PDB file of N, CA and C in Angstrom:
ATOM      1  N   MET A   1     -26.091  33.801   1.398  1.00  0.00           N
ATOM      2  CA  MET A   1     -25.330  32.758   0.784  1.00  0.00           C
ATOM      3  C   MET A   1     -24.467  32.277   2.207  1.00  0.00           C
ATOM      4  N   ALA A   2     -24.478  30.561   2.215  1.00  0.00           N
ATOM      5  CA  ALA A   2     -24.076  29.760   2.925  1.00  0.00           C
ATOM      6  C   ALA A   2     -22.598  29.519   2.550  1.00  0.00           C
ATOM      7  N   THR A   3     -21.640  29.707   3.647  1.00  0.00           N
ATOM      8  CA  THR A   3     -20.063  29.828   3.256  1.00  0.00           C
ATOM      9  C   THR A   3     -20.133  28.267   3.448  1.00  0.00           C
ATOM     10  N   ILE A   4     -18.922  27.650   2.499  1.00  0.00           N
ATOM     11  CA  ILE A   4     -18.834  26.306   2.486  1.00  0.00           C
ATOM     12  C   ILE A   4     -17.634  26.088   3.346  1.00  0.00           C
ATOM     13  N   THR A   5     -17.292  25.158   3.963  1.00  0.00           N
ATOM     14  CA  THR A   5     -15.691  24.938   4.670  1.00  0.00           C
ATOM     15  C   THR A   5     -14.959  24.530   3.607  1.00  0.00           C
ATOM     16  N   LYS A   6     -13.907  24.607   3.338  1.00  0.00           N
ATOM     17  CA  LYS A   6     -13.292  24.113   2.338  1.00  0.00           C
ATOM     18  C   LYS A   6     -12.061  23.099   2.997  1.00  0.00           C
ATOM     19  N   THR A   7     -11.799  23.079   4.357  1.00  0.00           N
ATOM     20  CA  THR A   7     -11.175  22.077   4.576  1.00  0.00           C
ATOM     21  C   THR A   7     -11.835  21.308   6.141  1.00  0.00           C
ATOM     22  N   ALA A   8     -11.663  19.961   6.310  1.00  0.00           N
ATOM     23  CA  ALA A   8     -12.035  19.362   7.748  1.00  0.00           C
ATOM     24  C   ALA A   8     -11.047  18.757   8.010  1.00  0.00           C
ATOM     25  N   THR A   9     -10.615  18.468   9.431  1.00  0.00           N
ATOM     26  CA  THR A   9      -9.468  17.739   9.779  1.00  0.00           C
ATOM     27  C   THR A   9      -9.919  16.329  10.081  1.00  0.00           C
ATOM     28  N   VAL A  10      -9.126  15.496   9.642  1.00  0.00           N
ATOM     29  CA  VAL A  10      -9.247  13.965   9.934  1.00  0.00           C
ATOM     30  C   VAL A  10      -7.854  13.655  10.929  1.00  0.00           C
ATOM     31  N   ARG A  11      -8.037  13.081  12.264  1.00  0.00           N
ATOM     32  CA  ARG A  11      -7.154  12.786  13.130  1.00  0.00           C
ATOM     33  C   ARG A  11      -7.312  11.044  13.433  1.00  0.00           C
ATOM     34  N   ALA A  12      -5.896  10.618  13.510  1.00  0.00           N
ATOM     35  CA  ALA A  12      -6.046   8.979  13.893  1.00  0.00           C
ATOM     36  C   ALA A  12      -4.274   8.924  14.282  1.00  0.00           C
ATOM     37  N   ARG A  13      -4.328   7.567  14.990  1.00  0.00           N
ATOM     38  CA  ARG A  13      -3.353   7.281  15.536  1.00  0.00           C
ATOM     39  C   ARG A  13      -2.605   5.916  14.721  1.00  0.00           C
ATOM     40  N   ILE A  14      -1.491   6.521  14.505  1.00  0.00           N
ATOM     41  CA  ILE A  14      -0.685   5.429  13.699  1.00  0.00           C
ATOM     42  C   ILE A  14       0.376   4.805  14.459  1.00  0.00           C
ATOM     43  N   GLU A  15       0.922   3.657  14.064  1.00  0.00           N
ATOM     44  CA  GLU A  15       2.076   3.568  14.749  1.00  0.00           C
ATOM     45  C   GLU A  15       3.012   4.160  13.792  1.00  0.00           C
ATOM     46  N   PRO A  16       4.006   4.787  14.850  1.00  0.00           N
ATOM     47  CA  PRO A  16       5.365   5.492  14.674  1.00  0.00           C
ATOM     48  C   PRO A  16       5.970   4.790  13.098  1.00  0.00           C
ATOM     49  N   GLY A  17       6.686   3.401  13.307  1.00  0.00           N
ATOM     50  CA  GLY A  17       7.384   3.007  12.311  1.00  0.00           C
ATOM     51  C   GLY A  17       6.429   2.850  10.917  1.00  0.00           C
ATOM     52  N   LEU A  18       5.107   2.525  11.164  1.00  0.00           N
ATOM     53  CA  LEU A  18       4.478   2.490   9.814  1.00  0.00           C
ATOM     54  C   LEU A  18       4.070   3.979   9.095  1.00  0.00           C
ATOM     55  N   LYS A  19       3.728   4.992   9.813  1.00  0.00           N
ATOM     56  CA  LYS A  19       3.632   6.202   9.620  1.00  0.00           C
ATOM     57  C   LYS A  19       4.898   6.916   9.076  1.00  0.00           C
ATOM     58  N   THR A  20       6.415   6.455   9.482  1.00  0.00           N
ATOM     59  CA  THR A  20       7.290   6.777   8.773  1.00  0.00           C
ATOM     60  C   THR A  20       7.487   6.068   7.498  1.00  0.00           C
ATOM     61  N   ASP A  21       7.324   4.489   7.578  1.00  0.00           N
ATOM     62  CA  ASP A  21       7.526   3.983   6.305  1.00  0.00           C
ATOM     63  C   ASP A  21       6.541   4.627   4.988  1.00  0.00           C
ATOM     64  N   VAL A  22       5.215   4.780   5.426  1.00  0.00           N
ATOM     65  CA  VAL A  22       4.505   5.045   4.514  1.00  0.00           C
ATOM     66  C   VAL A  22       4.473   6.498   3.930  1.00  0.00           C
ATOM     67  N   GLU A  23       4.991   7.566   4.990  1.00  0.00           N
ATOM     68  CA  GLU A  23       5.455   8.885   4.496  1.00  0.00           C
ATOM     69  C   GLU A  23       6.391   8.949   3.589  1.00  0.00           C
ATOM     70  N   ASN A  24       7.203   8.072   3.677  1.00  0.00           N
ATOM     71  CA  ASN A  24       8.728   7.942   2.684  1.00  0.00           C
ATOM     72  C   ASN A  24       8.234   7.326   1.477  1.00  0.00           C
ATOM     73  N   LEU A  25       7.493   6.600   1.360  1.00  0.00           N
ATOM     74  CA  LEU A  25       6.658   6.179   0.101  1.00  0.00           C
ATOM     75  C   LEU A  25       5.834   7.006  -0.504  1.00  0.00           C
ATOM     76  N   PHE A  26       5.226   8.139   0.196  1.00  0.00           N
ATOM     77  CA  PHE A  26       4.172   9.152  -0.267  1.00  0.00           C
ATOM     78  C   PHE A  26       5.218  10.189  -1.128  1.00  0.00           C
ATOM     79  N   LYS A  27       6.393  10.412  -0.029  1.00  0.00           N
ATOM     80  CA  LYS A  27       7.505  11.377  -0.681  1.00  0.00           C
ATOM     81  C   LYS A  27       7.689  10.698  -1.961  1.00  0.00           C
ATOM     82  N   THR A  28       8.143   9.660  -2.236  1.00  0.00           N
ATOM     83  CA  THR A  28       8.875   8.975  -3.185  1.00  0.00           C
ATOM     84  C   THR A  28       7.705   8.911  -4.463  1.00  0.00           C
ATOM     85  N   LEU A  29       6.706   8.893  -4.134  1.00  0.00           N
ATOM     86  CA  LEU A  29       5.364   9.045  -5.075  1.00  0.00           C
ATOM     87  C   LEU A  29       5.356  10.476  -5.812  1.00  0.00           C
ATOM     88  N   GLY A  30       5.551  11.583  -4.765  1.00  0.00           N
ATOM     89  CA  GLY A  30       5.369  12.940  -4.875  1.00  0.00           C
ATOM     90  C   GLY A  30       4.273  13.482  -4.424  1.00  0.00           C
ATOM     91  N   LEU A  31       3.735  12.758  -3.327  1.00  0.00           N
ATOM     92  CA  LEU A  31       2.762  12.973  -2.539  1.00  0.00           C
ATOM     93  C   LEU A  31       2.631  13.788  -0.996  1.00  0.00           C
ATOM     94  N   SER A  32       1.919  14.519  -0.327  1.00  0.00           N
ATOM     95  CA  SER A  32       2.321  14.422   0.689  1.00  0.00           C
ATOM     96  C   SER A  32       1.174  13.821   1.520  1.00  0.00           C
ATOM     97  N   THR A  33       1.457  13.830   3.069  1.00  0.00           N
ATOM     98  CA  THR A  33       0.175  12.912   3.743  1.00  0.00           C
ATOM     99  C   THR A  33      -1.233  13.440   3.161  1.00  0.00           C
ATOM    100  N   THR A  34      -1.618  14.779   3.465  1.00  0.00           N
ATOM    101  CA  THR A  34      -2.670  15.081   3.092  1.00  0.00           C
ATOM    102  C   THR A  34      -3.166  14.906   1.301  1.00  0.00           C
ATOM    103  N   GLU A  35      -2.323  15.074   0.467  1.00  0.00           N
ATOM    104  CA  GLU A  35      -2.551  14.577  -1.116  1.00  0.00           C
ATOM    105  C   GLU A  35      -2.848  12.977  -1.216  1.00  0.00           C
ATOM    106  N   ALA A  36      -2.225  12.091  -0.136  1.00  0.00           N
ATOM    107  CA  ALA A  36      -2.505  10.618  -0.266  1.00  0.00           C
ATOM    108  C   ALA A  36      -3.924  10.635   0.370  1.00  0.00           C
ATOM    109  N   ILE A  37      -4.148  10.970   1.319  1.00  0.00           N
ATOM    110  CA  ILE A  37      -5.370  10.915   2.358  1.00  0.00           C
ATOM    111  C   ILE A  37      -6.516  11.436   1.443  1.00  0.00           C
ATOM    112  N   ASN A  38      -6.289  12.490   0.571  1.00  0.00           N
ATOM    113  CA  ASN A  38      -7.557  12.878  -0.174  1.00  0.00           C
ATOM    114  C   ASN A  38      -7.934  11.893  -1.274  1.00  0.00           C
ATOM    115  N   LEU A  39      -6.630  11.838  -1.646  1.00  0.00           N
ATOM    116  CA  LEU A  39      -6.668  10.527  -2.843  1.00  0.00           C
ATOM    117  C   LEU A  39      -7.508   9.204  -2.126  1.00  0.00           C
ATOM    118  N   PHE A  40      -7.178   8.838  -1.507  1.00  0.00           N
ATOM    119  CA  PHE A  40      -7.891   7.600  -0.738  1.00  0.00           C
ATOM    120  C   PHE A  40      -9.555   7.918  -0.747  1.00  0.00           C
ATOM    121  N   TYR A  41      -9.655   8.879   0.059  1.00  0.00           N
ATOM    122  CA  TYR A  41     -11.300   9.352   0.127  1.00  0.00           C
ATOM    123  C   TYR A  41     -11.811   9.386  -1.175  1.00  0.00           C
ATOM    124  N   ARG A  42     -11.342  10.064  -2.124  1.00  0.00           N
ATOM    125  CA  ARG A  42     -11.937  10.175  -3.320  1.00  0.00           C
ATOM    126  C   ARG A  42     -11.942   8.923  -3.899  1.00  0.00           C
ATOM    127  N   GLN A  43     -11.395   7.749  -4.230  1.00  0.00           N
ATOM    128  CA  GLN A  43     -11.197   6.952  -4.623  1.00  0.00           C
ATOM    129  C   GLN A  43     -12.478   6.029  -3.843  1.00  0.00           C
ATOM    130  N   VAL A  44     -12.705   6.112  -2.426  1.00  0.00           N
ATOM    131  CA  VAL A  44     -13.514   5.336  -1.511  1.00  0.00           C
ATOM    132  C   VAL A  44     -14.967   5.982  -2.281  1.00  0.00           C
ATOM    133  N   LYS A  45     -15.121   7.027  -2.605  1.00  0.00           N
ATOM    134  CA  LYS A  45     -16.153   7.974  -3.167  1.00  0.00           C
ATOM    135  C   LYS A  45     -16.614   7.413  -4.265  1.00  0.00           C
ATOM    136  N   LEU A  46     -15.690   7.318  -5.304  1.00  0.00           N
ATOM    137  CA  LEU A  46     -15.819   6.836  -6.347  1.00  0.00           C
ATOM    138  C   LEU A  46     -16.252   5.636  -6.655  1.00  0.00           C
ATOM    139  N   ARG A  47     -15.675   4.754  -5.706  1.00  0.00           N
ATOM    140  CA  ARG A  47     -16.180   3.168  -6.100  1.00  0.00           C
ATOM    141  C   ARG A  47     -16.954   2.693  -4.853  1.00  0.00           C
ATOM    142  N   LYS A  48     -17.500   3.693  -3.964  1.00  0.00           N
ATOM    143  CA  LYS A  48     -18.634   3.619  -3.103  1.00  0.00           C
ATOM    144  C   LYS A  48     -18.387   2.180  -2.217  1.00  0.00           C
ATOM    145  N   GLY A  49     -16.978   2.462  -2.079  1.00  0.00           N
ATOM    146  CA  GLY A  49     -16.024   1.003  -1.141  1.00  0.00           C
ATOM    147  C   GLY A  49     -14.871   1.544  -0.909  1.00  0.00           C
ATOM    148  N   LEU A  50     -13.941   0.341  -0.291  1.00  0.00           N
ATOM    149  CA  LEU A  50     -12.749   0.540  -0.504  1.00  0.00           C
ATOM    150  C   LEU A  50     -11.864   0.418  -1.668  1.00  0.00           C
ATOM    151  N   PRO A  51     -11.144   1.122  -2.314  1.00  0.00           N
ATOM    152  CA  PRO A  51     -10.458   0.933  -3.125  1.00  0.00           C
ATOM    153  C   PRO A  51      -9.524  -0.066  -3.573  1.00  0.00           C
ATOM    154  N   PHE A  52      -9.806  -1.168  -2.538  1.00  0.00           N
ATOM    155  CA  PHE A  52      -8.864  -2.408  -2.545  1.00  0.00           C
ATOM    156  C   PHE A  52      -9.736  -3.618  -1.964  1.00  0.00           C
ATOM    157  N   SER A  53      -9.026  -5.023  -2.134  1.00  0.00           N
ATOM    158  CA  SER A  53     -10.122  -5.756  -1.579  1.00  0.00           C
ATOM    159  C   SER A  53      -9.392  -5.969  -0.101  1.00  0.00           C
ATOM    160  N   VAL A  54      -9.936  -6.583   0.629  1.00  0.00           N
ATOM    161  CA  VAL A  54     -10.034  -6.639   2.127  1.00  0.00           C
ATOM    162  C   VAL A  54     -10.166  -7.986   2.286  1.00  0.00           C
ATOM    163  N   VAL A  55      -9.316  -9.082   2.593  1.00  0.00           N
ATOM    164  CA  VAL A  55      -9.376 -10.476   2.602  1.00  0.00           C
ATOM    165  C   VAL A  55      -8.364 -10.960   3.656  1.00  0.00           C
ATOM    166  N   ILE A  56      -8.946 -11.982   4.302  1.00  0.00           N
ATOM    167  CA  ILE A  56      -8.255 -12.777   5.234  1.00  0.00           C
ATOM    168  C   ILE A  56      -7.452 -13.981   4.429  1.00  0.00           C
ATOM    169  N   PRO A  57      -5.946 -13.871   4.400  1.00  0.00           N
ATOM    170  CA  PRO A  57      -5.382 -14.634   3.375  1.00  0.00           C
ATOM    171  C   PRO A  57      -5.354 -16.065   3.635  1.00  0.00           C
ATOM    172  N   ASN A  58      -5.612 -17.029   2.940  1.00  0.00           N
ATOM    173  CA  ASN A  58      -5.608 -18.687   3.024  1.00  0.00           C
ATOM    174  C   ASN A  58      -4.502 -18.635   3.800  1.00  0.00           C
ATOM    175  N   LYS A  59      -4.067 -20.219   4.310  1.00  0.00           N
ATOM    176  CA  LYS A  59      -2.985 -20.659   4.852  1.00  0.00           C
ATOM    177  C   LYS A  59      -1.654 -20.603   3.826  1.00  0.00           C
ATOM    178  N   THR A  60      -2.154 -20.887   2.613  1.00  0.00           N
ATOM    179  CA  THR A  60      -0.838 -20.907   1.640  1.00  0.00           C
ATOM    180  C   THR A  60      -0.272 -19.537   1.667  1.00  0.00           C
ATOM    181  N   THR A  61      -1.412 -18.384   1.350  1.00  0.00           N
ATOM    182  CA  THR A  61      -0.683 -17.251   1.121  1.00  0.00           C
ATOM    183  C   THR A  61      -0.391 -16.589   2.370  1.00  0.00           C
ATOM    184  N   GLU A  62      -0.493 -16.766   3.628  1.00  0.00           N
ATOM    185  CA  GLU A  62      -0.111 -16.747   4.976  1.00  0.00           C
ATOM    186  C   GLU A  62       1.259 -17.187   4.691  1.00  0.00           C
ATOM    187  N   LYS A  63       1.354 -18.273   4.785  1.00  0.00           N
ATOM    188  CA  LYS A  63       2.954 -19.114   4.842  1.00  0.00           C
ATOM    189  C   LYS A  63       3.740 -17.883   3.919  1.00  0.00           C
ATOM    190  N   ALA A  64       3.204 -18.089   2.560  1.00  0.00           N
ATOM    191  CA  ALA A  64       4.108 -17.212   1.658  1.00  0.00           C
ATOM    192  C   ALA A  64       4.771 -15.742   2.038  1.00  0.00           C
ATOM    193  N   PHE A  65       3.825 -14.924   2.985  1.00  0.00           N
ATOM    194  CA  PHE A  65       4.036 -13.875   3.703  1.00  0.00           C
ATOM    195  C   PHE A  65       5.211 -13.868   4.843  1.00  0.00           C
ATOM    196  N   ILE A  66       4.797 -14.732   5.862  1.00  0.00           N
ATOM    197  CA  ILE A  66       5.718 -15.113   6.704  1.00  0.00           C
ATOM    198  C   ILE A  66       7.122 -15.681   6.035  1.00  0.00           C
ATOM    199  N   ASP A  67       7.019 -16.583   5.050  1.00  0.00           N
ATOM    200  CA  ASP A  67       8.350 -16.809   4.736  1.00  0.00           C
ATOM    201  C   ASP A  67       9.077 -15.741   3.760  1.00  0.00           C
ATOM    202  N   THR A  68       8.430 -14.714   3.319  1.00  0.00           N
ATOM    203  CA  THR A  68       9.069 -13.293   2.512  1.00  0.00           C
ATOM    204  C   THR A  68       9.579 -12.553   3.208  1.00  0.00           C
ATOM    205  N   ASP A  69       8.570 -12.532   4.262  1.00  0.00           N
ATOM    206  CA  ASP A  69       9.355 -11.598   5.275  1.00  0.00           C
ATOM    207  C   ASP A  69      10.581 -12.219   6.068  1.00  0.00           C
ATOM    208  N   ALA A  70      10.743 -13.060   6.254  1.00  0.00           N
ATOM    209  CA  ALA A  70      11.642 -14.118   6.766  1.00  0.00           C
ATOM    210  C   ALA A  70      12.893 -14.216   5.463  1.00  0.00           C
ATOM    211  N   GLU A  71      13.016 -14.052   4.522  1.00  0.00           N
ATOM    212  CA  GLU A  71      13.663 -14.259   3.126  1.00  0.00           C
ATOM    213  C   GLU A  71      13.857 -15.508   3.186  1.00  0.00           C
ATOM    214  N   ARG A  72      13.046 -16.415   3.341  1.00  0.00           N
ATOM    215  CA  ARG A  72      13.225 -18.332   3.037  1.00  0.00           C
ATOM    216  C   ARG A  72      12.558 -18.106   1.779  1.00  0.00           C
ATOM    217  N   GLY A  73      13.194 -18.898   1.276  1.00  0.00           N
ATOM    218  CA  GLY A  73      12.478 -19.963  -0.203  1.00  0.00           C
ATOM    219  C   GLY A  73      12.874 -18.562  -1.287  1.00  0.00           C
ATOM    220  N   LEU A  74      13.144 -17.538  -1.280  1.00  0.00           N
ATOM    221  CA  LEU A  74      13.336 -16.294  -2.246  1.00  0.00           C
ATOM    222  C   LEU A  74      14.394 -16.616  -3.462  1.00  0.00           C
ATOM    223  N   ILE A  75      14.067 -16.537  -4.299  1.00  0.00           N
ATOM    224  CA  ILE A  75      14.967 -16.813  -5.404  1.00  0.00           C
ATOM    225  C   ILE A  75      15.219 -15.108  -6.053  1.00  0.00           C
ATOM    226  N   ARG A  76      16.462 -14.755  -6.372  1.00  0.00           N
ATOM    227  CA  ARG A  76      16.667 -13.620  -6.810  1.00  0.00           C
ATOM    228  C   ARG A  76      16.999 -13.343  -7.873  1.00  0.00           C
ATOM    229  N   CYS A  77      16.536 -12.299  -8.770  1.00  0.00           N
ATOM    230  CA  CYS A  77      16.822 -12.372 -10.341  1.00  0.00           C
ATOM    231  C   CYS A  77      17.374 -11.013 -10.684  1.00  0.00           C
ATOM    232  N   GLU A  78      18.369 -11.294 -11.558  1.00  0.00           N
ATOM    233  CA  GLU A  78      18.958  -9.836 -11.799  1.00  0.00           C
ATOM    234  C   GLU A  78      18.409  -8.736 -12.788  1.00  0.00           C
ATOM    235  N   ASP A  79      17.668  -9.565 -13.473  1.00  0.00           N
ATOM    236  CA  ASP A  79      16.540  -8.917 -14.489  1.00  0.00           C
ATOM    237  C   ASP A  79      15.557  -9.598 -14.971  1.00  0.00           C
ATOM    238  N   ALA A  80      14.600  -9.493 -15.494  1.00  0.00           N
ATOM    239  CA  ALA A  80      13.416  -9.981 -16.273  1.00  0.00           C
ATOM    240  C   ALA A  80      13.968 -11.247 -17.150  1.00  0.00           C
ATOM    241  N   ASP A  81      14.817 -11.009 -17.941  1.00  0.00           N
ATOM    242  CA  ASP A  81      15.668 -12.168 -18.694  1.00  0.00           C
ATOM    243  C   ASP A  81      15.747 -13.319 -17.929  1.00  0.00           C
ATOM    244  N   ASP A  82      16.713 -12.884 -16.473  1.00  0.00           N
ATOM    245  CA  ASP A  82      17.446 -13.863 -15.440  1.00  0.00           C
ATOM    246  C   ASP A  82      15.730 -14.523 -14.814  1.00  0.00           C
ATOM    247  N   MET A  83      14.848 -14.051 -14.550  1.00  0.00           N
ATOM    248  CA  MET A  83      13.698 -14.271 -14.225  1.00  0.00           C
ATOM    249  C   MET A  83      13.029 -15.609 -14.873  1.00  0.00           C
ATOM    250  N   PHE A  84      12.747 -15.185 -16.416  1.00  0.00           N
ATOM    251  CA  PHE A  84      12.335 -16.316 -16.907  1.00  0.00           C
ATOM    252  C   PHE A  84      12.920 -17.421 -17.267  1.00  0.00           C
ATOM    253  N   GLU A  85      14.326 -17.065 -17.209  1.00  0.00           N
ATOM    254  CA  GLU A  85      15.270 -18.133 -17.253  1.00  0.00           C
ATOM    255  C   GLU A  85      15.207 -19.085 -15.998  1.00  0.00           C
ATOM    256  N   LYS A  86      15.150 -18.536 -14.911  1.00  0.00           N
ATOM    257  CA  LYS A  86      14.833 -19.344 -13.848  1.00  0.00           C
ATOM    258  C   LYS A  86      13.562 -20.121 -13.852  1.00  0.00           C
ATOM    259  N   LEU A  87      12.696 -19.533 -13.932  1.00  0.00           N
ATOM    260  CA  LEU A  87      11.132 -20.297 -14.307  1.00  0.00           C
ATOM    261  C   LEU A  87      11.405 -21.367 -15.378  1.00  0.00           C
ATOM    262  N   GLY A  88      12.189 -21.120 -16.276  1.00  0.00           N
ATOM    263  CA  GLY A  88      12.315 -22.224 -17.381  1.00  0.00           C
ATOM    264  C   GLY A  88      11.183 -21.704 -18.644  1.00  0.00           C
ATOM    265  N   ILE A  89      10.808 -20.479 -18.787  1.00  0.00           N
ATOM    266  CA  ILE A  89      10.251 -19.693 -19.672  1.00  0.00           C
ATOM    267  C   ILE A  89      10.733 -19.303 -20.869  1.00  0.00           C
TER     268      ILE A  89
END
């Protein structure tokens, strides 16, 4: 009877700051990096492709990303009611 390997190694080079930030998010979600990678691989297999859309943002979206990162034009809300009031809803 053939022996099936239960683990395989995946190696990747990641920017140190990105790695730290993402691993902190995984920790908040209660996931180890290994569990998160396994989850990603399982979703790719299930969906037969990436589990999210990969697109190049249009100019409006790209400007919104840049402005948000620079904290320009942000409207801060205390809660949902405050947000709806500021939106006039």
